[in-house]
Amino acid sequence: MVPDIETDGGTTEMSRDENIEMPRNAVKNGVLDAIGTVALLGFSLLALFIGIRGFFIDSSMAISGGFVIASCLLAAAAFNLIPPFRD
């Protein structure tokens, strides 16, 4: 169901505040998304390092494998290959 939008001659008028606020919010959301992606990739590399290091120092294979799997899941989440953790 499409909501009704009041129009004036087929066009809607945006106030100056709305005209400035929309691009500002878009840039802010883009910057925050980029920071979130880099953070997820950083955590992914950290988990991968811990998992691979565990394989080489004869640590628990289950825990090392868990870290490698977690790193793959974090990288997939960073690139939106799996559903996001948030709404």
Protein backbone atom coordinates (compact mmCIF):
# COMPACT_ATOMS: atom_id res chain seq x y z
CA MET A 1 0.00 0.00 0.00
CA VAL A 2 1.45 3.34 -1.07
CA PRO A 3 0.94 6.27 1.33
CA ASP A 4 -0.80 9.37 0.01
CA ILE A 5 1.53 12.28 -0.62
CA GLU A 6 0.17 15.78 -0.90
CA THR A 7 1.42 17.39 -4.07
CA ASP A 8 1.10 20.84 -5.53
CA GLY A 9 0.74 20.55 -9.28
CA GLY A 10 2.56 17.20 -9.36
CA THR A 11 5.66 18.37 -7.49
CA THR A 12 6.47 18.47 -3.80
CA GLU A 13 8.19 21.39 -2.18
CA MET A 14 11.11 20.77 0.14
CA SER A 15 12.05 23.32 2.73
CA ARG A 16 15.60 24.62 2.92
CA ASP A 17 16.24 22.63 6.11
CA GLU A 18 15.09 19.38 4.51
CA ASN A 19 17.17 20.15 1.41
CA ILE A 20 20.32 20.52 3.54
CA GLU A 21 19.54 17.72 6.00
CA MET A 22 19.06 14.93 3.45
CA PRO A 23 22.57 15.02 1.87
CA ARG A 24 24.14 15.54 5.29
CA ASN A 25 22.44 12.40 6.63
CA ALA A 26 23.42 10.46 3.52
CA VAL A 27 27.09 11.41 3.91
CA LYS A 28 27.01 10.64 7.63
CA ASN A 29 25.49 7.21 7.00
CA GLY A 30 28.03 6.50 4.27
CA VAL A 31 30.97 7.39 6.49
CA LEU A 32 29.62 5.29 9.37
CA ASP A 33 29.06 2.33 7.02
CA ALA A 34 32.63 2.62 5.74
CA ILE A 35 34.01 2.73 9.29
CA GLY A 36 31.89 -0.28 10.24
CA THR A 37 33.11 -2.25 7.22
CA VAL A 38 36.76 -1.51 8.00
CA ALA A 39 36.21 -2.44 11.66
CA LEU A 40 34.58 -5.77 10.72
CA LEU A 41 37.43 -6.56 8.34
CA GLY A 42 39.95 -5.69 11.06
CA PHE A 43 38.26 -8.03 13.53
CA SER A 44 38.12 -10.67 10.80
CA LEU A 45 41.87 -10.42 10.22
CA LEU A 46 42.51 -10.61 13.97
CA ALA A 47 40.38 -13.75 14.32
CA LEU A 48 42.08 -15.27 11.27
CA PHE A 49 45.51 -14.55 12.75
CA ILE A 50 44.53 -16.13 16.08
CA GLY A 51 43.09 -19.19 14.34
CA ILE A 52 46.06 -19.76 12.02
CA ARG A 53 48.50 -19.16 14.87
CA GLY A 54 46.64 -21.79 16.88
CA PHE A 55 47.18 -24.32 14.12
CA PHE A 56 50.93 -23.68 14.09
CA ILE A 57 51.57 -23.76 17.85
CA ASP A 58 49.64 -27.02 18.33
CA SER A 59 46.78 -25.43 20.22
CA SER A 60 43.29 -26.89 20.34
CA MET A 61 42.16 -27.62 16.78
CA ALA A 62 38.51 -26.98 17.68
CA ILE A 63 39.21 -23.51 19.06
CA SER A 64 41.54 -22.62 16.18
CA GLY A 65 38.96 -23.81 13.67
CA GLY A 66 36.31 -21.77 15.46
CA PHE A 67 38.40 -18.64 15.09
CA VAL A 68 38.93 -19.30 11.37
CA ILE A 69 35.19 -19.85 10.86
CA ALA A 70 34.39 -16.71 12.88
CA SER A 71 36.81 -14.73 10.74
CA CYS A 72 35.09 -15.96 7.57
CA LEU A 73 31.70 -15.00 8.98
CA LEU A 74 32.91 -11.52 9.95
CA ALA A 75 34.37 -10.95 6.48
CA ALA A 76 31.12 -12.14 4.88
CA ALA A 77 29.15 -9.77 7.11
CA ALA A 78 31.42 -6.87 6.12
CA PHE A 79 30.62 -7.47 2.45
CA ASN A 80 26.87 -8.09 3.09
CA LEU A 81 27.07 -11.70 1.93
CA ILE A 82 25.09 -12.80 4.99
CA PRO A 83 22.17 -10.94 6.63
CA PRO A 84 23.30 -8.02 8.80
CA PHE A 85 23.51 -8.35 12.58
CA ARG A 86 21.37 -5.26 13.08
CA ASP A 87 18.01 -4.11 11.68
